[in-house]
Amino acid sequence: MTRRVPEELTCAEMVRLVTDFLEDALSLEDRTHFEQHLVFCKGCAAYVRQMRKTIEASSALKGEGLSAEAQAELLRLFKGTCK
């Protein structure tokens, strides 16, 4: 889901783009802007580290996964709250 991002990103824009960043879905130019922000913003750098740790921890969990329908519904709800 690559989208054009401004050269100077706000922290709110960083939060919206973090999933694309972690999934390597940003263009090279957009990824560069994202990474430049991380160099100067300790808060966003900590947020990205937290997201990576959360992904790592949750992928180690065992058990039944969500159905495709449940995943789609959660994604729909999440996208509806991020405007």
PDB file of N, CA and C in Angstrom:
ATOM      1  N   MET A   1       0.841  -1.172   0.000  1.00  0.00           N
ATOM      2  CA  MET A   1       0.000   0.000   0.000  1.00  0.00           C
ATOM      3  C   MET A   1       0.888   1.239   0.000  1.00  0.00           C
ATOM      4  N   THR A   2       1.671   1.397  -1.000  1.00  0.00           N
ATOM      5  CA  THR A   2       2.563   2.535  -1.087  1.00  0.00           C
ATOM      6  C   THR A   2       1.781   3.791  -1.411  1.00  0.00           C
ATOM      7  N   ARG A   3       2.089   4.846  -0.722  1.00  0.00           N
ATOM      8  CA  ARG A   3       1.477   6.139  -1.007  1.00  0.00           C
ATOM      9  C   ARG A   3       2.558   7.194  -0.900  1.00  0.00           C
ATOM     10  N   ARG A   4       2.374   8.258  -1.593  1.00  0.00           N
ATOM     11  CA  ARG A   4       3.357   9.334  -1.587  1.00  0.00           C
ATOM     12  C   ARG A   4       3.325  10.023  -0.234  1.00  0.00           C
ATOM     13  N   VAL A   5       4.484  10.187   0.377  1.00  0.00           N
ATOM     14  CA  VAL A   5       4.556  10.878   1.660  1.00  0.00           C
ATOM     15  C   VAL A   5       5.343  12.169   1.494  1.00  0.00           C
ATOM     16  N   PRO A   6       5.014  13.180   2.290  1.00  0.00           N
ATOM     17  CA  PRO A   6       5.759  14.440   2.199  1.00  0.00           C
ATOM     18  C   PRO A   6       7.196  14.253   2.673  1.00  0.00           C
ATOM     19  N   GLU A   7       8.068  15.166   2.242  1.00  0.00           N
ATOM     20  CA  GLU A   7       9.478  15.053   2.629  1.00  0.00           C
ATOM     21  C   GLU A   7       9.649  15.091   4.141  1.00  0.00           C
ATOM     22  N   GLU A   8       8.936  15.992   4.807  1.00  0.00           N
ATOM     23  CA  GLU A   8       9.020  16.080   6.258  1.00  0.00           C
ATOM     24  C   GLU A   8       7.758  15.483   6.850  1.00  0.00           C
ATOM     25  N   LEU A   9       7.908  14.366   7.496  1.00  0.00           N
ATOM     26  CA  LEU A   9       6.770  13.661   8.070  1.00  0.00           C
ATOM     27  C   LEU A   9       6.508  14.128   9.494  1.00  0.00           C
ATOM     28  N   THR A  10       5.231  14.198   9.859  1.00  0.00           N
ATOM     29  CA  THR A  10       4.870  14.448  11.250  1.00  0.00           C
ATOM     30  C   THR A  10       4.865  13.108  11.980  1.00  0.00           C
ATOM     31  N   CYS A  11       4.836  13.167  13.283  1.00  0.00           N
ATOM     32  CA  CYS A  11       4.779  11.924  14.062  1.00  0.00           C
ATOM     33  C   CYS A  11       3.477  11.176  13.781  1.00  0.00           C
ATOM     34  N   ALA A  12       2.375  11.900  13.593  1.00  0.00           N
ATOM     35  CA  ALA A  12       1.095  11.247  13.276  1.00  0.00           C
ATOM     36  C   ALA A  12       1.187  10.513  11.944  1.00  0.00           C
ATOM     37  N   GLU A  13       1.863  11.106  10.957  1.00  0.00           N
ATOM     38  CA  GLU A  13       2.039  10.435   9.664  1.00  0.00           C
ATOM     39  C   GLU A  13       2.923   9.195   9.820  1.00  0.00           C
ATOM     40  N   MET A  14       3.903   9.280  10.691  1.00  0.00           N
ATOM     41  CA  MET A  14       4.774   8.132  10.942  1.00  0.00           C
ATOM     42  C   MET A  14       3.973   6.955  11.493  1.00  0.00           C
ATOM     43  N   VAL A  15       3.062   7.248  12.418  1.00  0.00           N
ATOM     44  CA  VAL A  15       2.226   6.189  12.999  1.00  0.00           C
ATOM     45  C   VAL A  15       1.379   5.540  11.913  1.00  0.00           C
ATOM     46  N   ARG A  16       0.819   6.351  11.016  1.00  0.00           N
ATOM     47  CA  ARG A  16      -0.009   5.801   9.934  1.00  0.00           C
ATOM     48  C   ARG A  16       0.810   4.964   8.955  1.00  0.00           C
ATOM     49  N   LEU A  17       2.083   5.279   8.791  1.00  0.00           N
ATOM     50  CA  LEU A  17       2.922   4.599   7.799  1.00  0.00           C
ATOM     51  C   LEU A  17       3.750   3.448   8.364  1.00  0.00           C
ATOM     52  N   VAL A  18       3.738   3.264   9.676  1.00  0.00           N
ATOM     53  CA  VAL A  18       4.645   2.289  10.282  1.00  0.00           C
ATOM     54  C   VAL A  18       4.430   0.874   9.749  1.00  0.00           C
ATOM     55  N   THR A  19       3.197   0.482   9.514  1.00  0.00           N
ATOM     56  CA  THR A  19       2.953  -0.869   8.997  1.00  0.00           C
ATOM     57  C   THR A  19       3.548  -1.032   7.611  1.00  0.00           C
ATOM     58  N   ASP A  20       3.331  -0.043   6.739  1.00  0.00           N
ATOM     59  CA  ASP A  20       3.927  -0.106   5.402  1.00  0.00           C
ATOM     60  C   ASP A  20       5.452  -0.154   5.498  1.00  0.00           C
ATOM     61  N   PHE A  21       6.017   0.607   6.418  1.00  0.00           N
ATOM     62  CA  PHE A  21       7.464   0.609   6.613  1.00  0.00           C
ATOM     63  C   PHE A  21       7.954  -0.776   7.034  1.00  0.00           C
ATOM     64  N   LEU A  22       7.299  -1.355   8.032  1.00  0.00           N
ATOM     65  CA  LEU A  22       7.732  -2.656   8.548  1.00  0.00           C
ATOM     66  C   LEU A  22       7.500  -3.784   7.553  1.00  0.00           C
ATOM     67  N   GLU A  23       6.524  -3.614   6.671  1.00  0.00           N
ATOM     68  CA  GLU A  23       6.244  -4.633   5.648  1.00  0.00           C
ATOM     69  C   GLU A  23       7.000  -4.356   4.353  1.00  0.00           C
ATOM     70  N   ASP A  24       7.888  -3.367   4.384  1.00  0.00           N
ATOM     71  CA  ASP A  24       8.702  -2.999   3.222  1.00  0.00           C
ATOM     72  C   ASP A  24       7.830  -2.627   2.023  1.00  0.00           C
ATOM     73  N   ALA A  25       6.737  -1.898   2.294  1.00  0.00           N
ATOM     74  CA  ALA A  25       5.796  -1.529   1.243  1.00  0.00           C
ATOM     75  C   ALA A  25       5.922  -0.069   0.815  1.00  0.00           C
ATOM     76  N   LEU A  26       6.894   0.653   1.359  1.00  0.00           N
ATOM     77  CA  LEU A  26       7.110   2.039   0.952  1.00  0.00           C
ATOM     78  C   LEU A  26       8.100   2.081  -0.209  1.00  0.00           C
ATOM     79  N   SER A  27       7.941   3.072  -1.059  1.00  0.00           N
ATOM     80  CA  SER A  27       8.923   3.261  -2.130  1.00  0.00           C
ATOM     81  C   SER A  27      10.260   3.627  -1.488  1.00  0.00           C
ATOM     82  N   LEU A  28      11.326   3.522  -2.240  1.00  0.00           N
ATOM     83  CA  LEU A  28      12.650   3.857  -1.722  1.00  0.00           C
ATOM     84  C   LEU A  28      12.679   5.299  -1.219  1.00  0.00           C
ATOM     85  N   GLU A  29      12.105   6.211  -1.986  1.00  0.00           N
ATOM     86  CA  GLU A  29      12.091   7.625  -1.592  1.00  0.00           C
ATOM     87  C   GLU A  29      11.305   7.832  -0.295  1.00  0.00           C
ATOM     88  N   ASP A  30      10.129   7.214  -0.210  1.00  0.00           N
ATOM     89  CA  ASP A  30       9.302   7.364   0.986  1.00  0.00           C
ATOM     90  C   ASP A  30       9.961   6.712   2.197  1.00  0.00           C
ATOM     91  N   ARG A  31      10.600   5.569   1.976  1.00  0.00           N
ATOM     92  CA  ARG A  31      11.310   4.886   3.064  1.00  0.00           C
ATOM     93  C   ARG A  31      12.455   5.764   3.572  1.00  0.00           C
ATOM     94  N   THR A  32      13.127   6.448   2.666  1.00  0.00           N
ATOM     95  CA  THR A  32      14.213   7.348   3.049  1.00  0.00           C
ATOM     96  C   THR A  32      13.694   8.463   3.941  1.00  0.00           C
ATOM     97  N   HIS A  33      12.551   9.070   3.572  1.00  0.00           N
ATOM     98  CA  HIS A  33      11.957  10.130   4.397  1.00  0.00           C
ATOM     99  C   HIS A  33      11.572   9.580   5.777  1.00  0.00           C
ATOM    100  N   PHE A  34      11.020   8.381   5.794  1.00  0.00           N
ATOM    101  CA  PHE A  34      10.622   7.740   7.051  1.00  0.00           C
ATOM    102  C   PHE A  34      11.855   7.541   7.936  1.00  0.00           C
ATOM    103  N   GLU A  35      12.901   6.974   7.364  1.00  0.00           N
ATOM    104  CA  GLU A  35      14.117   6.692   8.128  1.00  0.00           C
ATOM    105  C   GLU A  35      14.802   7.972   8.593  1.00  0.00           C
ATOM    106  N   GLN A  36      14.743   9.037   7.784  1.00  0.00           N
ATOM    107  CA  GLN A  36      15.318  10.321   8.195  1.00  0.00           C
ATOM    108  C   GLN A  36      14.595  10.859   9.427  1.00  0.00           C
ATOM    109  N   HIS A  37      13.277  10.702   9.462  1.00  0.00           N
ATOM    110  CA  HIS A  37      12.513  11.150  10.625  1.00  0.00           C
ATOM    111  C   HIS A  37      12.960  10.378  11.866  1.00  0.00           C
ATOM    112  N   LEU A  38      13.188   9.074  11.712  1.00  0.00           N
ATOM    113  CA  LEU A  38      13.602   8.248  12.852  1.00  0.00           C
ATOM    114  C   LEU A  38      14.931   8.701  13.446  1.00  0.00           C
ATOM    115  N   VAL A  39      15.810   9.221  12.604  1.00  0.00           N
ATOM    116  CA  VAL A  39      17.116   9.679  13.081  1.00  0.00           C
ATOM    117  C   VAL A  39      16.957  10.835  14.067  1.00  0.00           C
ATOM    118  N   PHE A  40      15.981  11.707  13.808  1.00  0.00           N
ATOM    119  CA  PHE A  40      15.834  12.920  14.605  1.00  0.00           C
ATOM    120  C   PHE A  40      14.721  12.854  15.649  1.00  0.00           C
ATOM    121  N   CYS A  41      13.907  11.820  15.635  1.00  0.00           N
ATOM    122  CA  CYS A  41      12.769  11.744  16.554  1.00  0.00           C
ATOM    123  C   CYS A  41      12.884  10.490  17.424  1.00  0.00           C
ATOM    124  N   LYS A  42      13.299  10.684  18.655  1.00  0.00           N
ATOM    125  CA  LYS A  42      13.474   9.549  19.571  1.00  0.00           C
ATOM    126  C   LYS A  42      12.150   8.856  19.860  1.00  0.00           C
ATOM    127  N   GLY A  43      11.065   9.623  19.924  1.00  0.00           N
ATOM    128  CA  GLY A  43       9.753   9.042  20.204  1.00  0.00           C
ATOM    129  C   GLY A  43       9.315   8.081  19.118  1.00  0.00           C
ATOM    130  N   CYS A  44       9.458   8.487  17.865  1.00  0.00           N
ATOM    131  CA  CYS A  44       9.068   7.616  16.749  1.00  0.00           C
ATOM    132  C   CYS A  44      10.007   6.423  16.630  1.00  0.00           C
ATOM    133  N   ALA A  45      11.288   6.642  16.894  1.00  0.00           N
ATOM    134  CA  ALA A  45      12.241   5.527  16.856  1.00  0.00           C
ATOM    135  C   ALA A  45      11.864   4.487  17.912  1.00  0.00           C
ATOM    136  N   ALA A  46      11.472   4.946  19.098  1.00  0.00           N
ATOM    137  CA  ALA A  46      11.041   4.026  20.155  1.00  0.00           C
ATOM    138  C   ALA A  46       9.758   3.311  19.746  1.00  0.00           C
ATOM    139  N   TYR A  47       8.845   4.033  19.090  1.00  0.00           N
ATOM    140  CA  TYR A  47       7.583   3.434  18.643  1.00  0.00           C
ATOM    141  C   TYR A  47       7.838   2.312  17.633  1.00  0.00           C
ATOM    142  N   VAL A  48       8.730   2.543  16.682  1.00  0.00           N
ATOM    143  CA  VAL A  48       9.052   1.519  15.682  1.00  0.00           C
ATOM    144  C   VAL A  48       9.701   0.309  16.359  1.00  0.00           C
ATOM    145  N   ARG A  49      10.591   0.544  17.322  1.00  0.00           N
ATOM    146  CA  ARG A  49      11.198  -0.578  18.065  1.00  0.00           C
ATOM    147  C   ARG A  49      10.122  -1.371  18.807  1.00  0.00           C
ATOM    148  N   GLN A  50       9.176  -0.663  19.427  1.00  0.00           N
ATOM    149  CA  GLN A  50       8.072  -1.326  20.134  1.00  0.00           C
ATOM    150  C   GLN A  50       7.243  -2.173  19.181  1.00  0.00           C
ATOM    151  N   MET A  51       6.941  -1.629  18.017  1.00  0.00           N
ATOM    152  CA  MET A  51       6.145  -2.369  17.035  1.00  0.00           C
ATOM    153  C   MET A  51       6.879  -3.635  16.600  1.00  0.00           C
ATOM    154  N   ARG A  52       8.179  -3.530  16.373  1.00  0.00           N
ATOM    155  CA  ARG A  52       8.964  -4.709  15.982  1.00  0.00           C
ATOM    156  C   ARG A  52       8.945  -5.772  17.080  1.00  0.00           C
ATOM    157  N   LYS A  53       9.100  -5.336  18.335  1.00  0.00           N
ATOM    158  CA  LYS A  53       9.070  -6.283  19.454  1.00  0.00           C
ATOM    159  C   LYS A  53       7.693  -6.919  19.597  1.00  0.00           C
ATOM    160  N   THR A  54       6.645  -6.136  19.389  1.00  0.00           N
ATOM    161  CA  THR A  54       5.280  -6.662  19.470  1.00  0.00           C
ATOM    162  C   THR A  54       5.047  -7.717  18.400  1.00  0.00           C
ATOM    163  N   ILE A  55       5.497  -7.437  17.185  1.00  0.00           N
ATOM    164  CA  ILE A  55       5.356  -8.395  16.084  1.00  0.00           C
ATOM    165  C   ILE A  55       6.121  -9.673  16.408  1.00  0.00           C
ATOM    166  N   GLU A  56       7.327  -9.513  16.905  1.00  0.00           N
ATOM    167  CA  GLU A  56       8.156 -10.675  17.260  1.00  0.00           C
ATOM    168  C   GLU A  56       7.489 -11.500  18.363  1.00  0.00           C
ATOM    169  N   ALA A  57       7.000 -10.833  19.397  1.00  0.00           N
ATOM    170  CA  ALA A  57       6.372 -11.545  20.517  1.00  0.00           C
ATOM    171  C   ALA A  57       5.079 -12.232  20.089  1.00  0.00           C
ATOM    172  N   SER A  58       4.269 -11.549  19.312  1.00  0.00           N
ATOM    173  CA  SER A  58       2.984 -12.138  18.920  1.00  0.00           C
ATOM    174  C   SER A  58       3.166 -13.282  17.925  1.00  0.00           C
ATOM    175  N   SER A  59       4.213 -13.246  17.138  1.00  0.00           N
ATOM    176  CA  SER A  59       4.429 -14.342  16.190  1.00  0.00           C
ATOM    177  C   SER A  59       4.914 -15.607  16.901  1.00  0.00           C
ATOM    178  N   ALA A  60       5.364 -15.462  18.135  1.00  0.00           N
ATOM    179  CA  ALA A  60       5.800 -16.622  18.909  1.00  0.00           C
ATOM    180  C   ALA A  60       4.630 -17.309  19.617  1.00  0.00           C
ATOM    181  N   LEU A  61       3.459 -16.677  19.620  1.00  0.00           N
ATOM    182  CA  LEU A  61       2.288 -17.252  20.287  1.00  0.00           C
ATOM    183  C   LEU A  61       1.769 -18.457  19.525  1.00  0.00           C
ATOM    184  N   LYS A  62       1.313 -19.432  20.265  1.00  0.00           N
ATOM    185  CA  LYS A  62       0.720 -20.625  19.669  1.00  0.00           C
ATOM    186  C   LYS A  62      -0.789 -20.540  19.821  1.00  0.00           C
ATOM    187  N   GLY A  63      -1.478 -21.298  19.031  1.00  0.00           N
ATOM    188  CA  GLY A  63      -2.928 -21.351  19.170  1.00  0.00           C
ATOM    189  C   GLY A  63      -3.616 -21.159  17.838  1.00  0.00           C
ATOM    190  N   GLU A  64      -4.926 -21.142  17.917  1.00  0.00           N
ATOM    191  CA  GLU A  64      -5.723 -20.972  16.706  1.00  0.00           C
ATOM    192  C   GLU A  64      -5.604 -19.552  16.187  1.00  0.00           C
ATOM    193  N   GLY A  65      -5.478 -19.428  14.904  1.00  0.00           N
ATOM    194  CA  GLY A  65      -5.470 -18.116  14.288  1.00  0.00           C
ATOM    195  C   GLY A  65      -6.891 -17.615  14.089  1.00  0.00           C
ATOM    196  N   LEU A  66      -7.006 -16.367  13.731  1.00  0.00           N
ATOM    197  CA  LEU A  66      -8.315 -15.796  13.433  1.00  0.00           C
ATOM    198  C   LEU A  66      -8.785 -16.262  12.068  1.00  0.00           C
ATOM    199  N   SER A  67     -10.079 -16.368  11.940  1.00  0.00           N
ATOM    200  CA  SER A  67     -10.637 -16.702  10.623  1.00  0.00           C
ATOM    201  C   SER A  67     -10.409 -15.521   9.685  1.00  0.00           C
ATOM    202  N   ALA A  68     -10.486 -15.771   8.401  1.00  0.00           N
ATOM    203  CA  ALA A  68     -10.327 -14.700   7.408  1.00  0.00           C
ATOM    204  C   ALA A  68     -11.380 -13.626   7.624  1.00  0.00           C
ATOM    205  N   GLU A  69     -12.583 -14.031   7.997  1.00  0.00           N
ATOM    206  CA  GLU A  69     -13.663 -13.066   8.230  1.00  0.00           C
ATOM    207  C   GLU A  69     -13.343 -12.178   9.432  1.00  0.00           C
ATOM    208  N   ALA A  70     -12.844 -12.766  10.498  1.00  0.00           N
ATOM    209  CA  ALA A  70     -12.501 -11.993  11.692  1.00  0.00           C
ATOM    210  C   ALA A  70     -11.351 -11.036  11.403  1.00  0.00           C
ATOM    211  N   GLN A  71     -10.364 -11.498  10.648  1.00  0.00           N
ATOM    212  CA  GLN A  71      -9.250 -10.625  10.277  1.00  0.00           C
ATOM    213  C   GLN A  71      -9.737  -9.443   9.456  1.00  0.00           C
ATOM    214  N   ALA A  72     -10.605  -9.706   8.488  1.00  0.00           N
ATOM    215  CA  ALA A  72     -11.133  -8.640   7.636  1.00  0.00           C
ATOM    216  C   ALA A  72     -11.930  -7.634   8.460  1.00  0.00           C
ATOM    217  N   GLU A  73     -12.716  -8.108   9.410  1.00  0.00           N
ATOM    218  CA  GLU A  73     -13.518  -7.219  10.255  1.00  0.00           C
ATOM    219  C   GLU A  73     -12.635  -6.358  11.148  1.00  0.00           C
ATOM    220  N   LEU A  74     -11.610  -6.945  11.735  1.00  0.00           N
ATOM    221  CA  LEU A  74     -10.684  -6.169  12.555  1.00  0.00           C
ATOM    222  C   LEU A  74      -9.968  -5.106  11.729  1.00  0.00           C
ATOM    223  N   LEU A  75      -9.541  -5.467  10.544  1.00  0.00           N
ATOM    224  CA  LEU A  75      -8.876  -4.512   9.663  1.00  0.00           C
ATOM    225  C   LEU A  75      -9.822  -3.382   9.284  1.00  0.00           C
ATOM    226  N   ARG A  76     -11.083  -3.714   8.982  1.00  0.00           N
ATOM    227  CA  ARG A  76     -12.081  -2.701   8.634  1.00  0.00           C
ATOM    228  C   ARG A  76     -12.286  -1.739   9.804  1.00  0.00           C
ATOM    229  N   LEU A  77     -12.403  -2.273  11.006  1.00  0.00           N
ATOM    230  CA  LEU A  77     -12.595  -1.435  12.189  1.00  0.00           C
ATOM    231  C   LEU A  77     -11.380  -0.560  12.452  1.00  0.00           C
ATOM    232  N   PHE A  78     -10.195  -1.135  12.305  1.00  0.00           N
ATOM    233  CA  PHE A  78      -8.968  -0.375  12.518  1.00  0.00           C
ATOM    234  C   PHE A  78      -8.860   0.778  11.530  1.00  0.00           C
ATOM    235  N   LYS A  79      -9.106   0.497  10.262  1.00  0.00           N
ATOM    236  CA  LYS A  79      -9.011   1.541   9.238  1.00  0.00           C
ATOM    237  C   LYS A  79     -10.053   2.627   9.465  1.00  0.00           C
ATOM    238  N   GLY A  80     -11.196   2.266  10.007  1.00  0.00           N
ATOM    239  CA  GLY A  80     -12.244   3.247  10.273  1.00  0.00           C
ATOM    240  C   GLY A  80     -11.892   4.214  11.386  1.00  0.00           C
ATOM    241  N   THR A  81     -11.004   3.808  12.293  1.00  0.00           N
ATOM    242  CA  THR A  81     -10.627   4.682  13.398  1.00  0.00           C
ATOM    243  C   THR A  81      -9.416   5.540  13.081  1.00  0.00           C
ATOM    244  N   CYS A  82      -8.692   5.227  12.040  1.00  0.00           N
ATOM    245  CA  CYS A  82      -7.483   5.976  11.657  1.00  0.00           C
ATOM    246  C   CYS A  82      -7.803   6.903  10.500  1.00  0.00           C
ATOM    247  N   LYS A  83      -8.107   8.109  10.825  1.00  0.00           N
ATOM    248  CA  LYS A  83      -8.448   9.076   9.765  1.00  0.00           C
ATOM    249  C   LYS A  83      -7.510  10.238   9.779  1.00  0.00           C
TER     250      LYS A  83
END
